[in-house]
C-alpha atoms as a PDB file:
ATOM      1  CA  MET A   1      -7.945  -0.891 -31.874  1.00  0.00           C
ATOM      2  CA  ARG A   2     -11.933  -1.004 -30.952  1.00  0.00           C
ATOM      3  CA  THR A   3     -13.742   1.385 -28.631  1.00  0.00           C
ATOM      4  CA  HIS A   4     -16.466   0.532 -26.621  1.00  0.00           C
ATOM      5  CA  SER A   5     -18.557   2.975 -24.695  1.00  0.00           C
ATOM      6  CA  MET A   6     -20.402   2.110 -21.449  1.00  0.00           C
ATOM      7  CA  THR A   7     -21.761   4.216 -18.137  1.00  0.00           C
ATOM      8  CA  ILE A   8     -19.685   3.662 -14.980  1.00  0.00           C
ATOM      9  CA  GLY A   9     -22.136   1.654 -13.437  1.00  0.00           C
ATOM     10  CA  GLU A  10     -21.852  -1.038 -16.494  1.00  0.00           C
ATOM     11  CA  PHE A  11     -18.374  -0.760 -15.878  1.00  0.00           C
ATOM     12  CA  MET A  12     -18.543  -1.122 -12.028  1.00  0.00           C
ATOM     13  CA  ASP A  13     -20.762  -4.442 -12.370  1.00  0.00           C
ATOM     14  CA  ARG A  14     -18.877  -5.783 -15.586  1.00  0.00           C
ATOM     15  CA  LYS A  15     -17.274  -9.066 -14.348  1.00  0.00           C
ATOM     16  CA  PRO A  16     -13.921 -10.045 -16.057  1.00  0.00           C
ATOM     17  CA  VAL A  17     -14.582 -12.161 -18.889  1.00  0.00           C
ATOM     18  CA  VAL A  18     -11.707 -15.220 -19.380  1.00  0.00           C
ATOM     19  CA  LYS A  19     -12.011 -16.815 -23.129  1.00  0.00           C
ATOM     20  CA  LYS A  20     -12.199 -20.567 -22.721  1.00  0.00           C
ATOM     21  CA  ASN A  21      -9.602 -21.002 -25.454  1.00  0.00           C
ATOM     22  CA  ARG A  22      -7.092 -18.921 -23.472  1.00  0.00           C
ATOM     23  CA  ALA A  23      -7.406 -20.767 -19.895  1.00  0.00           C
ATOM     24  CA  LYS A  24      -6.935 -23.856 -21.881  1.00  0.00           C
ATOM     25  CA  LYS A  25      -3.823 -22.599 -23.257  1.00  0.00           C
ATOM     26  CA  LEU A  26      -2.566 -21.221 -19.810  1.00  0.00           C
ATOM     27  CA  ALA A  27      -3.313 -24.816 -18.437  1.00  0.00           C
ATOM     28  CA  LYS A  28      -1.199 -26.507 -21.062  1.00  0.00           C
ATOM     29  CA  VAL A  29       1.723 -23.799 -20.587  1.00  0.00           C
ATOM     30  CA  ALA A  30       1.391 -24.070 -16.570  1.00  0.00           C
ATOM     31  CA  ALA A  31       1.753 -27.592 -16.310  1.00  0.00           C
ATOM     32  CA  PRO A  32       5.044 -28.108 -17.489  1.00  0.00           C
ATOM     33  CA  VAL A  33       6.548 -25.320 -15.733  1.00  0.00           C
ATOM     34  CA  VAL A  34       5.184 -25.787 -12.014  1.00  0.00           C
ATOM     35  CA  VAL A  35       5.517 -29.387 -11.812  1.00  0.00           C
ATOM     36  CA  PRO A  36       9.490 -29.382 -11.947  1.00  0.00           C
ATOM     37  CA  PHE A  37       9.293 -26.610  -9.202  1.00  0.00           C
ATOM     38  CA  THR A  38       7.309 -29.203  -6.690  1.00  0.00           C
ATOM     39  CA  PHE A  39      10.516 -31.147  -5.853  1.00  0.00           C
ATOM     40  CA  VAL A  40      12.879 -27.843  -5.508  1.00  0.00           C
ATOM     41  CA  THR A  41      12.180 -28.100  -1.559  1.00  0.00           C
ATOM     42  CA  HIS A  42      13.657 -31.507  -1.246  1.00  0.00           C
ATOM     43  CA  ALA A  43      16.672 -30.985  -3.300  1.00  0.00           C
ATOM     44  CA  HIS A  44      17.716 -28.316  -1.470  1.00  0.00           C
ATOM     45  CA  ALA A  45      16.925 -29.446   1.881  1.00  0.00           C
ATOM     46  CA  GLU A  46      20.769 -29.297   3.465  1.00  0.00           C
ATOM     47  CA  GLU A  47      20.738 -25.798   2.089  1.00  0.00           C
ATOM     48  CA  SER A  48      17.838 -24.687   4.109  1.00  0.00           C
ATOM     49  CA  VAL A  49      18.860 -26.568   7.231  1.00  0.00           C
ATOM     50  CA  VAL A  50      22.443 -24.519   6.777  1.00  0.00           C
ATOM     51  CA  ALA A  51      20.604 -21.191   6.409  1.00  0.00           C
ATOM     52  CA  ASN A  52      17.883 -21.979   9.854  1.00  0.00           C
ATOM     53  CA  GLY A  53      21.432 -22.519  11.628  1.00  0.00           C
ATOM     54  CA  ILE A  54      23.311 -19.448  10.595  1.00  0.00           C
ATOM     55  CA  THR A  55      19.669 -17.419  11.282  1.00  0.00           C
ATOM     56  CA  SER A  56      19.462 -18.557  14.518  1.00  0.00           C
ATOM     57  CA  HIS A  57      23.258 -18.308  15.533  1.00  0.00           C
ATOM     58  CA  ILE A  58      22.960 -14.327  14.054  1.00  0.00           C
ATOM     59  CA  ALA A  59      19.599 -14.521  16.642  1.00  0.00           C
ATOM     60  CA  ASP A  60      21.495 -15.902  19.327  1.00  0.00           C
ATOM     61  CA  THR A  61      24.074 -13.219  18.878  1.00  0.00           C
ATOM     62  CA  THR A  62      21.963 -10.325  18.897  1.00  0.00           C
ATOM     63  CA  LEU A  63      20.014 -11.354  21.684  1.00  0.00           C
ATOM     64  CA  ASN A  64      22.904 -12.032  23.916  1.00  0.00           C
ATOM     65  CA  THR A  65      24.571  -8.614  22.863  1.00  0.00           C
ATOM     66  CA  LEU A  66      20.800  -6.983  23.504  1.00  0.00           C
ATOM     67  CA  ALA A  67      20.863  -8.667  26.880  1.00  0.00           C
ATOM     68  CA  HIS A  68      24.276  -7.464  28.063  1.00  0.00           C
ATOM     69  CA  ALA A  69      24.284  -4.015  26.529  1.00  0.00           C
ATOM     70  CA  LEU A  70      23.220  -2.176  29.694  1.00  0.00           C
ATOM     71  CA  ASP A  71      25.821  -4.130  31.799  1.00  0.00           C
ATOM     72  CA  PRO A  72      28.314  -1.181  32.169  1.00  0.00           C
ATOM     73  CA  VAL A  73      25.325   1.312  33.114  1.00  0.00           C
ATOM     74  CA  VAL A  74      24.609  -1.196  35.696  1.00  0.00           C
ATOM     75  CA  GLU A  75      27.908  -1.660  37.218  1.00  0.00           C
ATOM     76  CA  ILE A  76      28.143   2.136  37.577  1.00  0.00           C
ATOM     77  CA  LEU A  77      24.827   1.992  39.281  1.00  0.00           C
ATOM     78  CA  ILE A  78      26.072  -0.485  41.778  1.00  0.00           C
ATOM     79  CA  ALA A  79      29.832   1.062  42.465  1.00  0.00           C
ATOM     80  CA  LEU A  80      27.927   4.344  43.125  1.00  0.00           C
ATOM     81  CA  SER A  81      24.888   3.006  45.127  1.00  0.00           C
ATOM     82  CA  PHE A  82      26.854   2.589  48.629  1.00  0.00           C
ATOM     83  CA  PRO A  83      28.767   6.158  48.639  1.00  0.00           C
ATOM     84  CA  VAL A  84      25.381   7.809  47.294  1.00  0.00           C
ATOM     85  CA  ALA A  85      23.327   5.965  50.069  1.00  0.00           C
ATOM     86  CA  SER A  86      25.820   6.881  52.578  1.00  0.00           C
ATOM     87  CA  VAL A  87      25.589  10.380  52.067  1.00  0.00           C
ATOM     88  CA  MET A  88      22.193  10.438  51.685  1.00  0.00           C
ATOM     89  CA  VAL A  89      21.216   8.536  55.104  1.00  0.00           C
ATOM     90  CA  LEU A  90      23.993  11.196  56.752  1.00  0.00           C
ATOM     91  CA  ALA A  91      22.169  14.200  55.315  1.00  0.00           C
ATOM     92  CA  ASN A  92      18.872  13.394  56.251  1.00  0.00           C
ATOM     93  CA  CYS A  93      20.053  12.475  59.894  1.00  0.00           C
ATOM     94  CA  PHE A  94      20.346  16.325  60.173  1.00  0.00           C
ATOM     95  CA  TYR A  95      16.594  16.484  59.955  1.00  0.00           C
ATOM     96  CA  PHE A  96      16.401  14.468  63.110  1.00  0.00           C
ATOM     97  CA  MET A  97      18.455  17.519  64.890  1.00  0.00           C
ATOM     98  CA  PHE A  98      16.245  19.978  63.063  1.00  0.00           C
ATOM     99  CA  GLY A  99      13.050  18.324  64.550  1.00  0.00           C
ATOM    100  CA  GLN A 100      11.620  16.683  61.659  1.00  0.00           C
ATOM    101  CA  GLY A 101      12.047  12.683  62.251  1.00  0.00           C
ATOM    102  CA  ASP A 102       8.764  12.376  60.442  1.00  0.00           C
ATOM    103  CA  LYS A 103      10.783  13.525  57.140  1.00  0.00           C
ATOM    104  CA  ALA A 104      13.776  11.818  57.927  1.00  0.00           C
ATOM    105  CA  TRP A 105      12.725   8.387  58.775  1.00  0.00           C
ATOM    106  CA  SER A 106      10.807   8.444  55.658  1.00  0.00           C
ATOM    107  CA  ARG A 107      13.625   9.611  53.580  1.00  0.00           C
ATOM    108  CA  ILE A 108      15.775   7.633  54.927  1.00  0.00           C
ATOM    109  CA  GLN A 109      13.418   4.429  54.134  1.00  0.00           C
ATOM    110  CA  GLY A 110      13.499   5.563  50.483  1.00  0.00           C
ATOM    111  CA  VAL A 111      17.181   5.472  50.502  1.00  0.00           C
ATOM    112  CA  GLY A 112      17.464   2.234  51.833  1.00  0.00           C
ATOM    113  CA  LEU A 113      14.757   0.859  49.651  1.00  0.00           C
ATOM    114  CA  GLY A 114      16.583   2.317  46.570  1.00  0.00           C
ATOM    115  CA  TYR A 115      19.887   1.090  47.554  1.00  0.00           C
ATOM    116  CA  CYS A 116      18.456  -2.338  48.015  1.00  0.00           C
ATOM    117  CA  LEU A 117      16.852  -2.161  44.424  1.00  0.00           C
ATOM    118  CA  ILE A 118      19.640  -1.222  42.494  1.00  0.00           C
ATOM    119  CA  ARG A 119      21.792  -4.063  44.378  1.00  0.00           C
ATOM    120  CA  MET A 120      19.392  -6.308  43.307  1.00  0.00           C
ATOM    121  CA  LEU A 121      18.993  -5.151  39.855  1.00  0.00           C
ATOM    122  CA  PRO A 122      21.279  -8.105  38.352  1.00  0.00           C
ATOM    123  CA  LEU A 123      19.221 -10.777  39.769  1.00  0.00           C
ATOM    124  CA  PHE A 124      16.081  -8.691  37.944  1.00  0.00           C
ATOM    125  CA  LEU A 125      17.712  -8.465  34.681  1.00  0.00           C
ATOM    126  CA  GLU A 126      18.643 -12.733  35.052  1.00  0.00           C
ATOM    127  CA  ILE A 127      15.384 -13.397  36.005  1.00  0.00           C
ATOM    128  CA  LEU A 128      13.666 -11.343  33.216  1.00  0.00           C
ATOM    129  CA  LYS A 129      15.991 -12.940  30.707  1.00  0.00           C
ATOM    130  CA  SER A 130      15.187 -16.561  31.958  1.00  0.00           C
ATOM    131  CA  VAL A 131      11.598 -15.566  31.646  1.00  0.00           C
ATOM    132  CA  GLY A 132      12.020 -14.293  28.204  1.00  0.00           C
ATOM    133  CA  ASP A 133      14.192 -17.469  27.339  1.00  0.00           C
ATOM    134  CA  SER A 134      11.416 -19.764  28.587  1.00  0.00           C
ATOM    135  CA  ILE A 135       8.750 -18.058  26.397  1.00  0.00           C
ATOM    136  CA  ALA A 136      10.890 -18.246  22.964  1.00  0.00           C
END
């Protein structure tokens, strides 16, 4: 084995040396190997269509599962929204009796707004899903 000493600057500035004979040999070997693979995509086109169909089915199933993952939580919120809002409005009516009408009105307004938003939550989720479908 032959050793050659050089400085770091020489080593860093050195360009790779490719021998001409070696490049010709590589071209002779690579051409017969590469040419048959150019027709592989056409030969297996039907398999790629099937794979794309399976991939899109998995993507649709996953999206549908994620879109409906919070449905039980939303249903529980909607079921509890009326009783909780009723109790909160009733409790805030006591503020009127104690002379704090401004605080009572602002809290009743917040309860009403929260109740309406919770009841409209399925509509918001459906709009969000349709916007996502139109983008994708």
